[in-house]
N, C-alpha and C. Protein backbone atom coordinates (compact mmCIF):
# COMPACT_ATOMS: atom_id res chain seq x y z
N MET A 1 -50.99 -55.20 8.54
CA MET A 1 -51.53 -54.01 8.76
C MET A 1 -50.29 -52.89 8.86
N LYS A 2 -50.66 -51.76 8.37
CA LYS A 2 -49.36 -50.99 8.34
C LYS A 2 -49.40 -50.10 9.67
N ARG A 3 -48.41 -49.47 9.94
CA ARG A 3 -47.69 -48.89 11.07
C ARG A 3 -49.14 -48.08 11.41
N ARG A 4 -49.27 -47.24 10.55
CA ARG A 4 -50.38 -46.04 11.02
C ARG A 4 -51.74 -46.68 10.96
N GLU A 5 -51.86 -47.95 10.31
CA GLU A 5 -53.18 -48.11 10.81
C GLU A 5 -53.39 -48.79 12.45
N GLU A 6 -52.37 -49.60 12.78
CA GLU A 6 -51.91 -49.95 13.86
C GLU A 6 -52.14 -48.89 15.01
N TRP A 7 -51.43 -47.97 14.81
CA TRP A 7 -51.50 -46.87 15.72
C TRP A 7 -52.96 -46.27 15.72
N ARG A 8 -53.83 -46.07 14.68
CA ARG A 8 -55.01 -45.49 14.69
C ARG A 8 -55.95 -46.25 15.68
N ARG A 9 -55.89 -47.54 15.69
CA ARG A 9 -56.38 -48.30 16.61
C ARG A 9 -56.09 -48.08 18.14
N VAL A 10 -54.95 -47.95 18.23
CA VAL A 10 -54.32 -47.51 19.78
C VAL A 10 -55.06 -46.24 20.05
N LEU A 11 -54.79 -45.39 19.23
CA LEU A 11 -55.53 -43.68 19.43
C LEU A 11 -56.80 -43.82 19.37
N GLU A 12 -57.75 -44.74 18.69
CA GLU A 12 -59.13 -45.15 18.82
C GLU A 12 -59.57 -45.07 20.50
N ALA A 13 -59.03 -46.10 20.71
CA ALA A 13 -59.03 -46.63 22.04
C ALA A 13 -58.78 -45.82 23.13
N GLU A 14 -57.77 -44.84 22.84
CA GLU A 14 -57.23 -44.21 23.99
C GLU A 14 -58.31 -42.66 24.01
N VAL A 15 -58.79 -42.55 23.04
CA VAL A 15 -59.90 -41.29 22.71
C VAL A 15 -61.29 -41.90 23.64
N ARG A 16 -61.54 -42.87 23.47
CA ARG A 16 -62.58 -43.63 23.89
C ARG A 16 -62.59 -43.61 25.40
N LEU A 17 -61.40 -44.05 26.34
CA LEU A 17 -60.87 -44.05 27.20
C LEU A 17 -60.96 -42.57 27.91
N TRP A 18 -60.32 -41.53 27.19
CA TRP A 18 -60.44 -40.08 27.97
C TRP A 18 -61.58 -39.57 27.69
N SER A 19 -62.42 -39.76 26.48
CA SER A 19 -63.46 -39.03 26.66
C SER A 19 -64.75 -39.55 27.06
N ALA A 20 -64.69 -40.66 27.63
CA ALA A 20 -65.61 -40.79 28.78
C ALA A 20 -65.65 -40.25 29.97
N MET A 21 -64.79 -39.57 30.28
CA MET A 21 -64.58 -38.83 31.53
C MET A 21 -65.10 -37.29 31.41
N SER A 22 -65.63 -36.99 32.64
CA SER A 22 -66.31 -35.59 32.61
C SER A 22 -65.29 -34.46 32.38
N CYS A 23 -65.68 -33.34 32.07
CA CYS A 23 -64.83 -32.24 32.30
C CYS A 23 -63.93 -32.14 33.39
N ASP A 24 -64.73 -32.04 34.61
CA ASP A 24 -63.87 -31.77 36.05
C ASP A 24 -62.92 -32.96 35.98
N GLN A 25 -63.16 -34.37 35.70
CA GLN A 25 -62.25 -35.49 35.60
C GLN A 25 -60.81 -35.27 34.88
N LEU A 26 -61.50 -34.61 33.62
CA LEU A 26 -60.04 -34.51 32.73
C LEU A 26 -59.18 -33.46 33.38
N ILE A 27 -59.68 -32.07 33.87
CA ILE A 27 -58.87 -31.17 34.48
C ILE A 27 -57.96 -31.44 35.44
N SER A 28 -58.84 -32.51 36.30
CA SER A 28 -57.92 -32.79 37.52
C SER A 28 -56.85 -33.83 36.96
N ALA A 29 -57.05 -34.68 35.81
CA ALA A 29 -56.29 -35.71 35.71
C ALA A 29 -54.99 -35.19 34.68
N LEU A 30 -55.65 -33.97 34.14
CA LEU A 30 -54.40 -33.17 33.30
C LEU A 30 -54.02 -32.06 33.72
N PRO A 31 -53.34 -31.73 34.90
CA PRO A 31 -52.63 -30.64 35.40
C PRO A 31 -51.30 -30.25 34.49
N ASP A 32 -50.83 -31.24 33.73
CA ASP A 32 -49.71 -31.44 33.27
C ASP A 32 -49.79 -32.28 31.88
N VAL A 33 -49.03 -32.64 31.01
CA VAL A 33 -48.96 -33.45 30.13
C VAL A 33 -48.74 -34.95 30.69
N GLN A 34 -49.54 -35.91 30.33
CA GLN A 34 -49.54 -37.15 30.71
C GLN A 34 -48.98 -37.87 29.77
N THR A 35 -47.95 -38.69 29.71
CA THR A 35 -47.28 -39.70 28.93
C THR A 35 -46.99 -40.93 29.68
N TYR A 36 -47.18 -42.02 28.85
CA TYR A 36 -47.08 -43.11 29.45
C TYR A 36 -47.22 -44.12 28.33
N GLU A 37 -46.85 -45.49 28.70
CA GLU A 37 -46.69 -46.49 27.56
C GLU A 37 -47.79 -47.62 27.93
N ILE A 38 -48.28 -48.08 26.69
CA ILE A 38 -49.02 -49.17 26.92
C ILE A 38 -48.73 -50.27 25.96
N GLU A 39 -49.25 -51.48 26.18
CA GLU A 39 -49.09 -52.66 25.47
C GLU A 39 -50.50 -52.92 24.91
N PHE A 40 -50.58 -53.13 23.24
CA PHE A 40 -51.84 -53.37 22.49
C PHE A 40 -51.31 -54.28 21.71
N GLU A 41 -52.12 -55.29 22.06
CA GLU A 41 -52.11 -56.64 20.69
C GLU A 41 -50.27 -56.81 20.63
N SER A 42 -49.29 -57.05 21.74
CA SER A 42 -48.06 -57.48 22.07
C SER A 42 -47.13 -56.44 21.74
N LYS A 43 -47.73 -55.13 21.39
CA LYS A 43 -46.59 -54.17 21.03
C LYS A 43 -46.87 -52.85 21.92
N LYS A 44 -45.73 -52.03 22.19
CA LYS A 44 -45.70 -50.96 22.71
C LYS A 44 -45.94 -49.80 22.12
N TYR A 45 -46.68 -49.02 22.78
CA TYR A 45 -46.93 -47.69 22.16
C TYR A 45 -46.83 -46.66 23.30
N GLN A 46 -46.41 -45.42 22.82
CA GLN A 46 -46.29 -44.14 23.88
C GLN A 46 -47.29 -43.20 23.16
N ILE A 47 -47.96 -42.83 24.54
CA ILE A 47 -49.10 -41.87 24.52
C ILE A 47 -49.09 -41.09 25.18
N GLU A 48 -49.31 -39.88 24.69
CA GLU A 48 -49.45 -38.27 25.31
C GLU A 48 -50.48 -37.70 25.19
N VAL A 49 -50.95 -37.25 26.17
CA VAL A 49 -52.68 -36.55 26.48
C VAL A 49 -52.32 -35.41 26.97
N GLU A 50 -52.76 -34.26 26.66
CA GLU A 50 -52.56 -32.96 27.10
C GLU A 50 -54.03 -32.07 26.89
N LEU A 51 -54.26 -31.35 28.08
CA LEU A 51 -55.24 -30.47 28.28
C LEU A 51 -55.06 -29.40 27.27
N LEU A 52 -55.74 -29.14 26.11
CA LEU A 52 -55.37 -28.09 25.09
C LEU A 52 -55.89 -26.81 25.43
N GLU A 53 -57.05 -26.87 25.83
CA GLU A 53 -58.10 -25.64 26.38
C GLU A 53 -58.96 -25.75 27.43
N ASN A 54 -59.22 -24.98 28.35
CA ASN A 54 -59.91 -25.02 29.49
C ASN A 54 -60.90 -23.80 29.34
N THR A 55 -61.96 -23.87 28.88
CA THR A 55 -62.62 -22.56 28.89
C THR A 55 -63.99 -22.55 29.61
N ASP A 56 -64.72 -21.73 29.79
CA ASP A 56 -65.96 -21.53 30.41
C ASP A 56 -67.17 -22.46 29.91
N ASN A 57 -66.84 -22.96 28.28
CA ASN A 57 -67.98 -23.70 27.78
C ASN A 57 -67.46 -24.97 27.49
N TYR A 58 -66.21 -25.43 27.42
CA TYR A 58 -65.56 -26.51 27.01
C TYR A 58 -64.21 -26.66 27.40
N VAL A 59 -63.71 -28.07 27.22
CA VAL A 59 -62.30 -28.70 27.67
C VAL A 59 -62.34 -29.06 26.33
N HIS A 60 -60.89 -28.87 25.96
CA HIS A 60 -60.31 -29.48 24.62
C HIS A 60 -59.21 -30.44 24.98
N VAL A 61 -59.07 -31.87 24.88
CA VAL A 61 -57.97 -32.53 24.94
C VAL A 61 -57.30 -32.86 23.63
N GLY A 62 -56.10 -33.05 23.76
CA GLY A 62 -55.32 -33.78 22.53
C GLY A 62 -54.58 -35.12 22.91
N ILE A 63 -54.45 -36.07 22.10
CA ILE A 63 -53.95 -37.11 22.36
C ILE A 63 -53.03 -37.68 21.08
N ALA A 64 -52.08 -38.30 21.37
CA ALA A 64 -50.89 -38.45 20.57
C ALA A 64 -50.40 -39.93 20.77
N VAL A 65 -50.10 -40.78 19.56
CA VAL A 65 -49.54 -42.15 19.87
C VAL A 65 -48.56 -42.10 18.86
N ASP A 66 -47.59 -42.89 19.16
CA ASP A 66 -46.42 -43.26 18.71
C ASP A 66 -45.90 -44.68 19.25
N ASN A 67 -44.92 -45.17 18.33
CA ASN A 67 -44.19 -46.29 18.96
C ASN A 67 -42.64 -46.12 19.72
N GLY A 68 -42.53 -44.96 19.96
CA GLY A 68 -41.62 -44.82 20.97
C GLY A 68 -40.05 -44.81 20.19
N ARG A 69 -39.90 -45.19 18.82
CA ARG A 69 -38.73 -44.86 18.16
C ARG A 69 -38.62 -43.18 17.56
N PHE A 70 -37.20 -42.94 17.92
CA PHE A 70 -37.18 -41.60 17.68
C PHE A 70 -37.87 -40.98 16.21
N TRP A 71 -37.48 -41.55 15.38
CA TRP A 71 -38.03 -40.56 13.67
C TRP A 71 -39.31 -41.12 13.82
N ARG A 72 -40.16 -41.68 14.00
CA ARG A 72 -41.40 -42.26 14.15
C ARG A 72 -42.21 -41.27 15.21
N ALA A 73 -41.70 -40.95 16.03
CA ALA A 73 -42.02 -40.19 17.44
C ALA A 73 -41.94 -38.86 17.14
N MET A 74 -41.20 -38.34 15.89
CA MET A 74 -41.39 -36.81 15.28
C MET A 74 -42.63 -36.61 14.88
N ARG A 75 -43.09 -37.78 14.28
CA ARG A 75 -44.43 -37.51 13.70
C ARG A 75 -45.82 -38.54 14.14
N PRO A 76 -46.21 -38.40 15.21
CA PRO A 76 -47.29 -39.07 15.84
C PRO A 76 -48.35 -39.13 15.45
N LEU A 77 -49.38 -39.86 15.29
CA LEU A 77 -50.45 -39.56 15.21
C LEU A 77 -51.55 -39.20 16.28
N SER A 78 -52.27 -38.09 16.29
CA SER A 78 -53.09 -37.29 17.04
C SER A 78 -54.29 -37.40 16.60
N SER A 79 -55.15 -37.00 17.55
CA SER A 79 -56.47 -36.46 17.53
C SER A 79 -56.98 -35.67 18.82
N SER A 80 -58.05 -35.18 18.72
CA SER A 80 -58.42 -34.65 19.99
C SER A 80 -59.92 -34.42 19.75
N PHE A 81 -60.39 -34.27 21.18
CA PHE A 81 -61.91 -34.09 21.61
C PHE A 81 -62.31 -33.09 22.28
N ILE A 82 -63.75 -32.57 22.14
CA ILE A 82 -64.02 -31.57 23.25
C ILE A 82 -65.12 -32.25 23.93
N CYS A 83 -64.76 -31.81 25.33
CA CYS A 83 -65.92 -32.16 26.43
C CYS A 83 -66.85 -30.61 26.80
N LYS A 84 -67.94 -30.91 26.36
CA LYS A 84 -68.79 -29.53 26.65
C LYS A 84 -69.43 -29.46 28.03
N ARG A 85 -69.12 -28.38 28.57
CA ARG A 85 -69.40 -28.15 30.16
C ARG A 85 -71.06 -28.06 30.02
N THR A 86 -71.74 -28.71 31.05
CA THR A 86 -73.32 -28.65 31.17
C THR A 86 -73.56 -27.25 31.59
N ALA A 87 -74.88 -26.98 30.96
CA ALA A 87 -75.48 -25.50 31.35
C ALA A 87 -75.47 -25.40 32.99
N GLY A 88 -75.18 -24.43 33.27
CA GLY A 88 -75.41 -23.60 34.83
C GLY A 88 -74.09 -23.87 35.65
N LEU A 89 -73.07 -24.25 35.00
CA LEU A 89 -71.72 -24.46 35.77
C LEU A 89 -71.06 -23.04 35.66
C-alpha cells in the first residue's frame, strides 16, 4: 500500500473520532492546536488537530496526518469537517 493511502486510513479514523464530538466538546478540546502521535497497524503517525473557525453557526476543524519525517511532514495529508450548532443556541 502506498504511503498516502496508508495516511488516508489514519486520517479517516481521526476525522471519525473528532467529528463524533459536539461543538462544545470540540471548542473545549481545541483551545490550541493539538499534536500527538498514534500507532496504527504497527506504524507511528503524527496528528495535528486545529480549530479553524468558531462562528455562531458552526465550528470548523482541520486535521493533518504525516509520518513525522521532516520532508514528508512538509506535505501532510489533511481534511476538515464542520460541526453545525443546533438551533436556539
